[in-house]
């Protein structure tokens, strides 16, 4: 089975302790920086959000989320923990900020009229 991104990062972090004893500190520090950068860039992939947060984030109903839960779980993007459903942030779309878009349109319209 292919390891998850979380497993790969954790395994290499574990290897860093061994490398610190046997390798040049500069190289080990570089590896640690790379792992930090990967983790930061994959934050949405690594982060699970609750069903309530997923509903608020997406604007979709609980029923809509649950209709996709089984497939997302098979793909490793959803899980049940302590009898609560969790979804990876990366698969839960963000609802459009209609108010912000409307305001940006108003501002652009004023600039165009001036």
PDB file of N, CA and C in Angstrom:
ATOM      1  N   UNK A   1       0.839  -1.184   0.000  1.00  0.00           N
ATOM      2  CA  UNK A   1       0.000   0.000   0.000  1.00  0.00           C
ATOM      3  C   UNK A   1       0.884   1.248   0.000  1.00  0.00           C
ATOM      4  N   UNK A   2       0.511   2.227  -0.756  1.00  0.00           N
ATOM      5  CA  UNK A   2       1.267   3.469  -0.852  1.00  0.00           C
ATOM      6  C   UNK A   2       1.088   4.282   0.429  1.00  0.00           C
ATOM      7  N   UNK A   3       2.186   4.764   1.003  1.00  0.00           N
ATOM      8  CA  UNK A   3       2.051   5.560   2.238  1.00  0.00           C
ATOM      9  C   UNK A   3       1.389   6.901   1.954  1.00  0.00           C
ATOM     10  N   UNK A   4       0.709   7.424   2.967  1.00  0.00           N
ATOM     11  CA  UNK A   4       0.084   8.739   2.835  1.00  0.00           C
ATOM     12  C   UNK A   4       1.145   9.816   2.985  1.00  0.00           C
ATOM     13  N   UNK A   5       0.781  11.034   2.582  1.00  0.00           N
ATOM     14  CA  UNK A   5       1.698  12.162   2.736  1.00  0.00           C
ATOM     15  C   UNK A   5       2.057  12.359   4.203  1.00  0.00           C
ATOM     16  N   UNK A   6       1.066  12.196   5.078  1.00  0.00           N
ATOM     17  CA  UNK A   6       1.340  12.329   6.517  1.00  0.00           C
ATOM     18  C   UNK A   6       2.380  11.312   6.979  1.00  0.00           C
ATOM     19  N   UNK A   7       2.253  10.063   6.493  1.00  0.00           N
ATOM     20  CA  UNK A   7       3.204   9.014   6.872  1.00  0.00           C
ATOM     21  C   UNK A   7       4.606   9.309   6.354  1.00  0.00           C
ATOM     22  N   UNK A   8       4.689   9.773   5.115  1.00  0.00           N
ATOM     23  CA  UNK A   8       5.998  10.080   4.525  1.00  0.00           C
ATOM     24  C   UNK A   8       6.692  11.174   5.323  1.00  0.00           C
ATOM     25  N   UNK A   9       5.973  12.251   5.630  1.00  0.00           N
ATOM     26  CA  UNK A   9       6.564  13.352   6.401  1.00  0.00           C
ATOM     27  C   UNK A   9       6.988  12.865   7.783  1.00  0.00           C
ATOM     28  N   UNK A  10       6.126  12.100   8.444  1.00  0.00           N
ATOM     29  CA  UNK A  10       6.454  11.586   9.785  1.00  0.00           C
ATOM     30  C   UNK A  10       7.675  10.661   9.743  1.00  0.00           C
ATOM     31  N   UNK A  11       7.746   9.782   8.738  1.00  0.00           N
ATOM     32  CA  UNK A  11       8.881   8.860   8.624  1.00  0.00           C
ATOM     33  C   UNK A  11      10.199   9.623   8.430  1.00  0.00           C
ATOM     34  N   UNK A  12      10.193  10.616   7.549  1.00  0.00           N
ATOM     35  CA  UNK A  12      11.412  11.376   7.314  1.00  0.00           C
ATOM     36  C   UNK A  12      11.788  12.227   8.520  1.00  0.00           C
ATOM     37  N   UNK A  13      10.795  12.720   9.245  1.00  0.00           N
ATOM     38  CA  UNK A  13      11.109  13.467  10.472  1.00  0.00           C
ATOM     39  C   UNK A  13      11.786  12.541  11.480  1.00  0.00           C
ATOM     40  N   UNK A  14      11.327  11.299  11.551  1.00  0.00           N
ATOM     41  CA  UNK A  14      11.960  10.319  12.431  1.00  0.00           C
ATOM     42  C   UNK A  14      13.398  10.039  12.011  1.00  0.00           C
ATOM     43  N   UNK A  15      13.629   9.977  10.703  1.00  0.00           N
ATOM     44  CA  UNK A  15      14.978   9.745  10.195  1.00  0.00           C
ATOM     45  C   UNK A  15      15.917  10.911  10.506  1.00  0.00           C
ATOM     46  N   UNK A  16      15.356  12.115  10.660  1.00  0.00           N
ATOM     47  CA  UNK A  16      16.196  13.286  10.943  1.00  0.00           C
ATOM     48  C   UNK A  16      16.983  13.129  12.242  1.00  0.00           C
ATOM     49  N   UNK A  17      16.366  12.524  13.242  1.00  0.00           N
ATOM     50  CA  UNK A  17      17.055  12.330  14.525  1.00  0.00           C
ATOM     51  C   UNK A  17      18.304  11.475  14.335  1.00  0.00           C
ATOM     52  N   UNK A  18      18.189  10.430  13.539  1.00  0.00           N
ATOM     53  CA  UNK A  18      19.337   9.560  13.260  1.00  0.00           C
ATOM     54  C   UNK A  18      20.375  10.309  12.439  1.00  0.00           C
ATOM     55  N   UNK A  19      19.922  11.050  11.426  1.00  0.00           N
ATOM     56  CA  UNK A  19      20.846  11.796  10.577  1.00  0.00           C
ATOM     57  C   UNK A  19      21.631  12.848  11.355  1.00  0.00           C
ATOM     58  N   UNK A  20      20.992  13.459  12.324  1.00  0.00           N
ATOM     59  CA  UNK A  20      21.681  14.491  13.116  1.00  0.00           C
ATOM     60  C   UNK A  20      22.921  13.926  13.808  1.00  0.00           C
ATOM     61  N   UNK A  21      22.892  12.652  14.142  1.00  0.00           N
ATOM     62  CA  UNK A  21      24.034  12.021  14.816  1.00  0.00           C
ATOM     63  C   UNK A  21      25.146  11.650  13.840  1.00  0.00           C
ATOM     64  N   UNK A  22      24.787  11.443  12.574  1.00  0.00           N
ATOM     65  CA  UNK A  22      25.754  10.887  11.637  1.00  0.00           C
ATOM     66  C   UNK A  22      26.044  11.750  10.407  1.00  0.00           C
ATOM     67  N   UNK A  23      25.369  12.838  10.239  1.00  0.00           N
ATOM     68  CA  UNK A  23      25.536  13.634   9.014  1.00  0.00           C
ATOM     69  C   UNK A  23      25.886  15.074   9.358  1.00  0.00           C
ATOM     70  N   UNK A  24      26.200  15.812   8.329  1.00  0.00           N
ATOM     71  CA  UNK A  24      26.494  17.222   8.503  1.00  0.00           C
ATOM     72  C   UNK A  24      25.213  17.965   8.880  1.00  0.00           C
ATOM     73  N   UNK A  25      25.338  18.828   9.867  1.00  0.00           N
ATOM     74  CA  UNK A  25      24.180  19.573  10.357  1.00  0.00           C
ATOM     75  C   UNK A  25      23.527  20.397   9.265  1.00  0.00           C
ATOM     76  N   UNK A  26      24.312  20.984   8.376  1.00  0.00           N
ATOM     77  CA  UNK A  26      23.762  21.820   7.305  1.00  0.00           C
ATOM     78  C   UNK A  26      22.818  21.012   6.423  1.00  0.00           C
ATOM     79  N   UNK A  27      23.217  19.808   6.065  1.00  0.00           N
ATOM     80  CA  UNK A  27      22.362  18.968   5.224  1.00  0.00           C
ATOM     81  C   UNK A  27      21.090  18.561   5.950  1.00  0.00           C
ATOM     82  N   UNK A  28      21.197  18.224   7.209  1.00  0.00           N
ATOM     83  CA  UNK A  28      20.031  17.837   7.998  1.00  0.00           C
ATOM     84  C   UNK A  28      19.081  19.027   8.131  1.00  0.00           C
ATOM     85  N   UNK A  29      19.643  20.212   8.362  1.00  0.00           N
ATOM     86  CA  UNK A  29      18.806  21.416   8.454  1.00  0.00           C
ATOM     87  C   UNK A  29      18.065  21.668   7.145  1.00  0.00           C
ATOM     88  N   UNK A  30      18.747  21.426   6.019  1.00  0.00           N
ATOM     89  CA  UNK A  30      18.120  21.606   4.715  1.00  0.00           C
ATOM     90  C   UNK A  30      16.962  20.618   4.539  1.00  0.00           C
ATOM     91  N   UNK A  31      17.172  19.393   4.916  1.00  0.00           N
ATOM     92  CA  UNK A  31      16.102  18.386   4.820  1.00  0.00           C
ATOM     93  C   UNK A  31      14.910  18.807   5.678  1.00  0.00           C
ATOM     94  N   UNK A  32      15.191  19.295   6.870  1.00  0.00           N
ATOM     95  CA  UNK A  32      14.119  19.743   7.754  1.00  0.00           C
ATOM     96  C   UNK A  32      13.355  20.920   7.138  1.00  0.00           C
ATOM     97  N   UNK A  33      14.058  21.848   6.509  1.00  0.00           N
ATOM     98  CA  UNK A  33      13.403  22.971   5.840  1.00  0.00           C
ATOM     99  C   UNK A  33      12.511  22.488   4.700  1.00  0.00           C
ATOM    100  N   UNK A  34      12.993  21.491   3.967  1.00  0.00           N
ATOM    101  CA  UNK A  34      12.201  20.940   2.861  1.00  0.00           C
ATOM    102  C   UNK A  34      10.923  20.303   3.396  1.00  0.00           C
ATOM    103  N   UNK A  35      11.048  19.514   4.458  1.00  0.00           N
ATOM    104  CA  UNK A  35       9.865  18.885   5.050  1.00  0.00           C
ATOM    105  C   UNK A  35       8.876  19.930   5.562  1.00  0.00           C
ATOM    106  N   UNK A  36       9.384  20.991   6.173  1.00  0.00           N
ATOM    107  CA  UNK A  36       8.511  22.074   6.652  1.00  0.00           C
ATOM    108  C   UNK A  36       7.784  22.737   5.483  1.00  0.00           C
ATOM    109  N   UNK A  37       8.504  22.968   4.388  1.00  0.00           N
ATOM    110  CA  UNK A  37       7.902  23.606   3.212  1.00  0.00           C
ATOM    111  C   UNK A  37       6.831  22.716   2.590  1.00  0.00           C
ATOM    112  N   UNK A  38       7.092  21.424   2.515  1.00  0.00           N
ATOM    113  CA  UNK A  38       6.110  20.485   1.968  1.00  0.00           C
ATOM    114  C   UNK A  38       4.864  20.477   2.841  1.00  0.00           C
ATOM    115  N   UNK A  39       5.056  20.411   4.143  1.00  0.00           N
ATOM    116  CA  UNK A  39       3.912  20.387   5.066  1.00  0.00           C
ATOM    117  C   UNK A  39       3.095  21.665   4.960  1.00  0.00           C
ATOM    118  N   UNK A  40       3.768  22.802   4.866  1.00  0.00           N
ATOM    119  CA  UNK A  40       3.067  24.088   4.760  1.00  0.00           C
ATOM    120  C   UNK A  40       2.296  24.199   3.450  1.00  0.00           C
ATOM    121  N   UNK A  41       2.917  23.776   2.357  1.00  0.00           N
ATOM    122  CA  UNK A  41       2.258  23.890   1.057  1.00  0.00           C
ATOM    123  C   UNK A  41       1.094  22.913   0.921  1.00  0.00           C
ATOM    124  N   UNK A  42       1.099  21.862   1.710  1.00  0.00           N
ATOM    125  CA  UNK A  42       0.040  20.850   1.647  1.00  0.00           C
ATOM    126  C   UNK A  42      -0.940  20.980   2.810  1.00  0.00           C
ATOM    127  N   UNK A  43      -1.016  22.163   3.407  1.00  0.00           N
ATOM    128  CA  UNK A  43      -1.849  22.347   4.608  1.00  0.00           C
ATOM    129  C   UNK A  43      -3.296  21.932   4.380  1.00  0.00           C
ATOM    130  N   UNK A  44      -3.912  22.339   3.267  1.00  0.00           N
ATOM    131  CA  UNK A  44      -5.303  21.958   3.010  1.00  0.00           C
ATOM    132  C   UNK A  44      -5.434  20.451   2.817  1.00  0.00           C
ATOM    133  N   UNK A  45      -4.413  19.830   2.250  1.00  0.00           N
ATOM    134  CA  UNK A  45      -4.459  18.385   2.054  1.00  0.00           C
ATOM    135  C   UNK A  45      -4.339  17.660   3.390  1.00  0.00           C
ATOM    136  N   UNK A  46      -3.550  18.193   4.282  1.00  0.00           N
ATOM    137  CA  UNK A  46      -3.301  17.520   5.555  1.00  0.00           C
ATOM    138  C   UNK A  46      -4.364  17.819   6.610  1.00  0.00           C
ATOM    139  N   UNK A  47      -5.146  18.870   6.426  1.00  0.00           N
ATOM    140  CA  UNK A  47      -6.095  19.313   7.442  1.00  0.00           C
ATOM    141  C   UNK A  47      -7.469  18.689   7.243  1.00  0.00           C
ATOM    142  N   UNK A  48      -7.997  18.093   8.309  1.00  0.00           N
ATOM    143  CA  UNK A  48      -9.369  17.606   8.307  1.00  0.00           C
ATOM    144  C   UNK A  48     -10.237  18.621   9.040  1.00  0.00           C
ATOM    145  N   UNK A  49     -11.445  18.871   8.510  1.00  0.00           N
ATOM    146  CA  UNK A  49     -12.380  19.775   9.164  1.00  0.00           C
ATOM    147  C   UNK A  49     -13.660  19.007   9.486  1.00  0.00           C
ATOM    148  N   UNK A  50     -14.349  19.458  10.512  1.00  0.00           N
ATOM    149  CA  UNK A  50     -15.576  18.787  10.931  1.00  0.00           C
ATOM    150  C   UNK A  50     -16.671  18.958   9.885  1.00  0.00           C
ATOM    151  N   UNK A  51     -17.698  18.155  10.006  1.00  0.00           N
ATOM    152  CA  UNK A  51     -18.807  18.253   9.067  1.00  0.00           C
ATOM    153  C   UNK A  51     -19.482  19.622   9.155  1.00  0.00           C
ATOM    154  N   UNK A  52     -19.626  20.152  10.366  1.00  0.00           N
ATOM    155  CA  UNK A  52     -20.220  21.484  10.521  1.00  0.00           C
ATOM    156  C   UNK A  52     -19.380  22.545   9.823  1.00  0.00           C
ATOM    157  N   UNK A  53     -18.060  22.473  10.010  1.00  0.00           N
ATOM    158  CA  UNK A  53     -17.176  23.439   9.344  1.00  0.00           C
ATOM    159  C   UNK A  53     -17.207  23.265   7.824  1.00  0.00           C
ATOM    160  N   UNK A  54     -17.294  22.016   7.370  1.00  0.00           N
ATOM    161  CA  UNK A  54     -17.370  21.754   5.932  1.00  0.00           C
ATOM    162  C   UNK A  54     -18.658  22.340   5.357  1.00  0.00           C
ATOM    163  N   UNK A  55     -19.746  22.220   6.095  1.00  0.00           N
ATOM    164  CA  UNK A  55     -21.023  22.779   5.650  1.00  0.00           C
ATOM    165  C   UNK A  55     -20.942  24.295   5.557  1.00  0.00           C
ATOM    166  N   UNK A  56     -20.366  24.929   6.574  1.00  0.00           N
ATOM    167  CA  UNK A  56     -20.224  26.384   6.559  1.00  0.00           C
ATOM    168  C   UNK A  56     -19.273  26.855   5.471  1.00  0.00           C
ATOM    169  N   UNK A  57     -18.181  26.132   5.303  1.00  0.00           N
ATOM    170  CA  UNK A  57     -17.167  26.511   4.309  1.00  0.00           C
ATOM    171  C   UNK A  57     -17.716  26.435   2.887  1.00  0.00           C
ATOM    172  N   UNK A  58     -18.503  25.388   2.625  1.00  0.00           N
ATOM    173  CA  UNK A  58     -18.951  25.143   1.256  1.00  0.00           C
ATOM    174  C   UNK A  58     -20.316  25.750   0.935  1.00  0.00           C
ATOM    175  N   UNK A  59     -21.135  25.933   1.957  1.00  0.00           N
ATOM    176  CA  UNK A  59     -22.498  26.390   1.707  1.00  0.00           C
ATOM    177  C   UNK A  59     -23.426  25.257   1.293  1.00  0.00           C
ATOM    178  N   UNK A  60     -22.904  24.032   1.255  1.00  0.00           N
ATOM    179  CA  UNK A  60     -23.715  22.868   0.902  1.00  0.00           C
ATOM    180  C   UNK A  60     -24.377  22.298   2.154  1.00  0.00           C
ATOM    181  N   UNK A  61     -25.400  21.513   1.931  1.00  0.00           N
ATOM    182  CA  UNK A  61     -26.108  20.881   3.044  1.00  0.00           C
ATOM    183  C   UNK A  61     -25.327  19.675   3.545  1.00  0.00           C
ATOM    184  N   UNK A  62     -25.699  19.224   4.740  1.00  0.00           N
ATOM    185  CA  UNK A  62     -25.106  18.002   5.299  1.00  0.00           C
ATOM    186  C   UNK A  62     -25.400  16.824   4.370  1.00  0.00           C
ATOM    187  N   UNK A  63     -26.600  16.799   3.803  1.00  0.00           N
ATOM    188  CA  UNK A  63     -26.967  15.714   2.891  1.00  0.00           C
ATOM    189  C   UNK A  63     -26.043  15.681   1.675  1.00  0.00           C
ATOM    190  N   UNK A  64     -25.711  16.848   1.137  1.00  0.00           N
ATOM    191  CA  UNK A  64     -24.811  16.932  -0.012  1.00  0.00           C
ATOM    192  C   UNK A  64     -23.437  16.364   0.355  1.00  0.00           C
ATOM    193  N   UNK A  65     -22.936  16.772   1.515  1.00  0.00           N
ATOM    194  CA  UNK A  65     -21.626  16.272   1.960  1.00  0.00           C
ATOM    195  C   UNK A  65     -21.665  14.762   2.168  1.00  0.00           C
ATOM    196  N   UNK A  66     -22.712  14.279   2.823  1.00  0.00           N
ATOM    197  CA  UNK A  66     -22.799  12.843   3.111  1.00  0.00           C
ATOM    198  C   UNK A  66     -22.964  12.004   1.853  1.00  0.00           C
ATOM    199  N   UNK A  67     -23.571  12.577   0.826  1.00  0.00           N
ATOM    200  CA  UNK A  67     -23.708  11.845  -0.435  1.00  0.00           C
ATOM    201  C   UNK A  67     -22.342  11.576  -1.055  1.00  0.00           C
ATOM    202  N   UNK A  68     -21.354  12.387  -0.746  1.00  0.00           N
ATOM    203  CA  UNK A  68     -20.001  12.234  -1.287  1.00  0.00           C
ATOM    204  C   UNK A  68     -19.047  11.565  -0.299  1.00  0.00           C
ATOM    205  N   UNK A  69     -19.500  11.372   0.923  1.00  0.00           N
ATOM    206  CA  UNK A  69     -18.634  10.886   1.991  1.00  0.00           C
ATOM    207  C   UNK A  69     -17.983   9.538   1.656  1.00  0.00           C
ATOM    208  N   UNK A  70     -18.759   8.579   1.193  1.00  0.00           N
ATOM    209  CA  UNK A  70     -18.220   7.232   0.949  1.00  0.00           C
ATOM    210  C   UNK A  70     -17.078   7.256  -0.063  1.00  0.00           C
ATOM    211  N   UNK A  71     -17.272   7.966  -1.164  1.00  0.00           N
ATOM    212  CA  UNK A  71     -16.207   8.044  -2.175  1.00  0.00           C
ATOM    213  C   UNK A  71     -14.989   8.768  -1.622  1.00  0.00           C
ATOM    214  N   UNK A  72     -15.222   9.880  -0.942  1.00  0.00           N
ATOM    215  CA  UNK A  72     -14.094  10.619  -0.368  1.00  0.00           C
ATOM    216  C   UNK A  72     -13.360   9.763   0.660  1.00  0.00           C
ATOM    217  N   UNK A  73     -14.094   8.986   1.443  1.00  0.00           N
ATOM    218  CA  UNK A  73     -13.458   8.103   2.436  1.00  0.00           C
ATOM    219  C   UNK A  73     -12.596   7.050   1.737  1.00  0.00           C
ATOM    220  N   UNK A  74     -13.111   6.474   0.656  1.00  0.00           N
ATOM    221  CA  UNK A  74     -12.323   5.490  -0.103  1.00  0.00           C
ATOM    222  C   UNK A  74     -11.040   6.113  -0.646  1.00  0.00           C
ATOM    223  N   UNK A  75     -11.114   7.400  -1.002  1.00  0.00           N
ATOM    224  CA  UNK A  75      -9.948   8.107  -1.536  1.00  0.00           C
ATOM    225  C   UNK A  75      -9.042   8.666  -0.435  1.00  0.00           C
ATOM    226  N   UNK A  76      -9.421   8.480   0.827  1.00  0.00           N
ATOM    227  CA  UNK A  76      -8.614   8.969   1.948  1.00  0.00           C
ATOM    228  C   UNK A  76      -8.878  10.423   2.313  1.00  0.00           C
ATOM    229  N   UNK A  77      -9.986  10.979   1.812  1.00  0.00           N
ATOM    230  CA  UNK A  77     -10.281  12.393   2.056  1.00  0.00           C
ATOM    231  C   UNK A  77     -11.387  12.620   3.074  1.00  0.00           C
ATOM    232  N   UNK A  78     -11.918  11.567   3.657  1.00  0.00           N
ATOM    233  CA  UNK A  78     -12.955  11.701   4.678  1.00  0.00           C
ATOM    234  C   UNK A  78     -12.811  10.532   5.644  1.00  0.00           C
ATOM    235  N   UNK A  79     -13.253  10.744   6.869  1.00  0.00           N
ATOM    236  CA  UNK A  79     -13.147   9.678   7.870  1.00  0.00           C
ATOM    237  C   UNK A  79     -14.176   9.926   8.973  1.00  0.00           C
ATOM    238  N   UNK A  80     -14.413   8.883   9.733  1.00  0.00           N
ATOM    239  CA  UNK A  80     -15.249   9.015  10.925  1.00  0.00           C
ATOM    240  C   UNK A  80     -14.342   8.785  12.116  1.00  0.00           C
ATOM    241  N   UNK A  81     -14.371   9.743  13.019  1.00  0.00           N
ATOM    242  CA  UNK A  81     -13.556   9.675  14.228  1.00  0.00           C
ATOM    243  C   UNK A  81     -14.432  10.106  15.395  1.00  0.00           C
ATOM    244  N   UNK A  82     -14.484   9.293  16.422  1.00  0.00           N
ATOM    245  CA  UNK A  82     -15.324   9.571  17.596  1.00  0.00           C
ATOM    246  C   UNK A  82     -16.759   9.886  17.179  1.00  0.00           C
ATOM    247  N   UNK A  83     -17.289   9.059  16.276  1.00  0.00           N
ATOM    248  CA  UNK A  83     -18.666   9.147  15.776  1.00  0.00           C
ATOM    249  C   UNK A  83     -18.982  10.479  15.100  1.00  0.00           C
ATOM    250  N   UNK A  84     -17.966  11.159  14.604  1.00  0.00           N
ATOM    251  CA  UNK A  84     -18.158  12.412  13.878  1.00  0.00           C
ATOM    252  C   UNK A  84     -17.476  12.297  12.518  1.00  0.00           C
ATOM    253  N   UNK A  85     -18.113  12.881  11.501  1.00  0.00           N
ATOM    254  CA  UNK A  85     -17.543  12.855  10.151  1.00  0.00           C
ATOM    255  C   UNK A  85     -16.568  14.014   9.975  1.00  0.00           C
ATOM    256  N   UNK A  86     -15.437  13.698   9.335  1.00  0.00           N
ATOM    257  CA  UNK A  86     -14.387  14.680   9.062  1.00  0.00           C
ATOM    258  C   UNK A  86     -14.053  14.627   7.582  1.00  0.00           C
ATOM    259  N   UNK A  87     -13.757  15.796   7.019  1.00  0.00           N
ATOM    260  CA  UNK A  87     -13.450  15.918   5.590  1.00  0.00           C
ATOM    261  C   UNK A  87     -12.131  16.667   5.426  1.00  0.00           C
ATOM    262  N   UNK A  88     -11.326  16.226   4.464  1.00  0.00           N
ATOM    263  CA  UNK A  88     -10.112  16.985   4.158  1.00  0.00           C
ATOM    264  C   UNK A  88     -10.521  18.333   3.584  1.00  0.00           C
ATOM    265  N   UNK A  89      -9.866  19.374   4.047  1.00  0.00           N
ATOM    266  CA  UNK A  89     -10.178  20.724   3.561  1.00  0.00           C
ATOM    267  C   UNK A  89     -10.011  20.815   2.047  1.00  0.00           C
ATOM    268  N   UNK A  90      -9.103  20.051   1.487  1.00  0.00           N
ATOM    269  CA  UNK A  90      -8.814  20.134   0.055  1.00  0.00           C
ATOM    270  C   UNK A  90     -10.005  19.701  -0.807  1.00  0.00           C
ATOM    271  N   UNK A  91     -10.905  18.845  -0.303  1.00  0.00           N
ATOM    272  CA  UNK A  91     -12.030  18.400  -1.130  1.00  0.00           C
ATOM    273  C   UNK A  91     -13.293  19.210  -0.883  1.00  0.00           C
ATOM    274  N   UNK A  92     -13.281  20.027   0.156  1.00  0.00           N
ATOM    275  CA  UNK A  92     -14.465  20.835   0.466  1.00  0.00           C
ATOM    276  C   UNK A  92     -14.270  22.214  -0.147  1.00  0.00           C
ATOM    277  N   UNK A  93     -15.021  22.463  -1.210  1.00  0.00           N
ATOM    278  CA  UNK A  93     -14.871  23.739  -1.911  1.00  0.00           C
ATOM    279  C   UNK A  93     -15.269  24.896  -1.002  1.00  0.00           C
ATOM    280  N   UNK A  94     -14.667  26.024  -1.247  1.00  0.00           N
ATOM    281  CA  UNK A  94     -15.024  27.239  -0.505  1.00  0.00           C
ATOM    282  C   UNK A  94     -16.145  27.947  -1.247  1.00  0.00           C
ATOM    283  N   UNK A  95     -17.131  28.342  -0.489  1.00  0.00           N
ATOM    284  CA  UNK A  95     -18.245  29.084  -1.085  1.00  0.00           C
ATOM    285  C   UNK A  95     -17.738  30.444  -1.536  1.00  0.00           C
ATOM    286  N   UNK A  96     -18.278  30.908  -2.621  1.00  0.00           N
ATOM    287  CA  UNK A  96     -17.892  32.223  -3.132  1.00  0.00           C
ATOM    288  C   UNK A  96     -18.330  33.303  -2.145  1.00  0.00           C
ATOM    289  N   UNK A  97     -17.493  34.284  -1.961  1.00  0.00           N
ATOM    290  CA  UNK A  97     -17.824  35.410  -1.091  1.00  0.00           C
ATOM    291  C   UNK A  97     -18.570  36.429  -1.948  1.00  0.00           C
ATOM    292  N   UNK A  98     -19.879  36.253  -2.038  1.00  0.00           N
ATOM    293  CA  UNK A  98     -20.704  37.078  -2.916  1.00  0.00           C
ATOM    294  C   UNK A  98     -20.651  38.540  -2.501  1.00  0.00           C
ATOM    295  N   UNK A  99     -20.674  38.806  -1.207  1.00  0.00           N
ATOM    296  CA  UNK A  99     -20.653  40.195  -0.732  1.00  0.00           C
ATOM    297  C   UNK A  99     -19.357  40.885  -1.148  1.00  0.00           C
ATOM    298  N   UNK A 100     -18.233  40.192  -1.025  1.00  0.00           N
ATOM    299  CA  UNK A 100     -16.945  40.783  -1.405  1.00  0.00           C
ATOM    300  C   UNK A 100     -16.891  41.006  -2.917  1.00  0.00           C
ATOM    301  N   UNK A 101     -17.415  40.073  -3.694  1.00  0.00           N
ATOM    302  CA  UNK A 101     -17.420  40.228  -5.151  1.00  0.00           C
ATOM    303  C   UNK A 101     -18.298  41.411  -5.560  1.00  0.00           C
ATOM    304  N   UNK A 102     -19.448  41.553  -4.906  1.00  0.00           N
ATOM    305  CA  UNK A 102     -20.343  42.670  -5.210  1.00  0.00           C
ATOM    306  C   UNK A 102     -19.669  44.001  -4.905  1.00  0.00           C
ATOM    307  N   UNK A 103     -18.989  44.072  -3.750  1.00  0.00           N
ATOM    308  CA  UNK A 103     -18.290  45.303  -3.354  1.00  0.00           C
ATOM    309  C   UNK A 103     -17.156  45.622  -4.335  1.00  0.00           C
ATOM    310  N   UNK A 104     -16.414  44.605  -4.750  1.00  0.00           N
ATOM    311  CA  UNK A 104     -15.337  44.817  -5.719  1.00  0.00           C
ATOM    312  C   UNK A 104     -15.908  45.332  -7.034  1.00  0.00           C
ATOM    313  N   UNK A 105     -17.055  44.830  -7.430  1.00  0.00           N
ATOM    314  CA  UNK A 105     -17.708  45.309  -8.647  1.00  0.00           C
ATOM    315  C   UNK A 105     -18.142  46.760  -8.524  1.00  0.00           C
ATOM    316  N   UNK A 106     -18.665  47.122  -7.357  1.00  0.00           N
ATOM    317  CA  UNK A 106     -19.065  48.514  -7.121  1.00  0.00           C
ATOM    318  C   UNK A 106     -17.866  49.448  -7.207  1.00  0.00           C
ATOM    319  N   UNK A 107     -16.772  49.056  -6.588  1.00  0.00           N
ATOM    320  CA  UNK A 107     -15.558  49.873  -6.601  1.00  0.00           C
ATOM    321  C   UNK A 107     -15.038  50.018  -8.021  1.00  0.00           C
ATOM    322  N   UNK A 108     -14.991  48.915  -8.754  1.00  0.00           N
ATOM    323  CA  UNK A 108     -14.520  48.964 -10.148  1.00  0.00           C
ATOM    324  C   UNK A 108     -15.438  49.839 -10.998  1.00  0.00           C
ATOM    325  N   UNK A 109     -16.746  49.765 -10.735  1.00  0.00           N
ATOM    326  CA  UNK A 109     -17.706  50.579 -11.472  1.00  0.00           C
ATOM    327  C   UNK A 109     -17.512  52.062 -11.221  1.00  0.00           C
ATOM    328  N   UNK A 110     -17.212  52.404  -9.967  1.00  0.00           N
ATOM    329  CA  UNK A 110     -16.957  53.809  -9.624  1.00  0.00           C
ATOM    330  C   UNK A 110     -15.697  54.316 -10.301  1.00  0.00           C
ATOM    331  N   UNK A 111     -14.686  53.495 -10.338  1.00  0.00           N
ATOM    332  CA  UNK A 111     -13.423  53.888 -10.976  1.00  0.00           C
ATOM    333  C   UNK A 111     -13.617  54.084 -12.473  1.00  0.00           C
ATOM    334  N   UNK A 112     -14.417  53.219 -13.081  1.00  0.00           N
ATOM    335  CA  UNK A 112     -14.668  53.310 -14.508  1.00  0.00           C
ATOM    336  C   UNK A 112     -15.494  54.536 -14.879  1.00  0.00           C
ATOM    337  N   UNK A 113     -16.366  54.950 -13.960  1.00  0.00           N
ATOM    338  CA  UNK A 113     -17.222  56.112 -14.223  1.00  0.00           C
ATOM    339  C   UNK A 113     -16.471  57.423 -14.024  1.00  0.00           C
ATOM    340  N   UNK A 114     -15.387  57.374 -13.273  1.00  0.00           N
ATOM    341  CA  UNK A 114     -14.645  58.609 -12.959  1.00  0.00           C
ATOM    342  C   UNK A 114     -13.732  59.055 -14.054  1.00  0.00           C
TER     343      UNK A 114
END
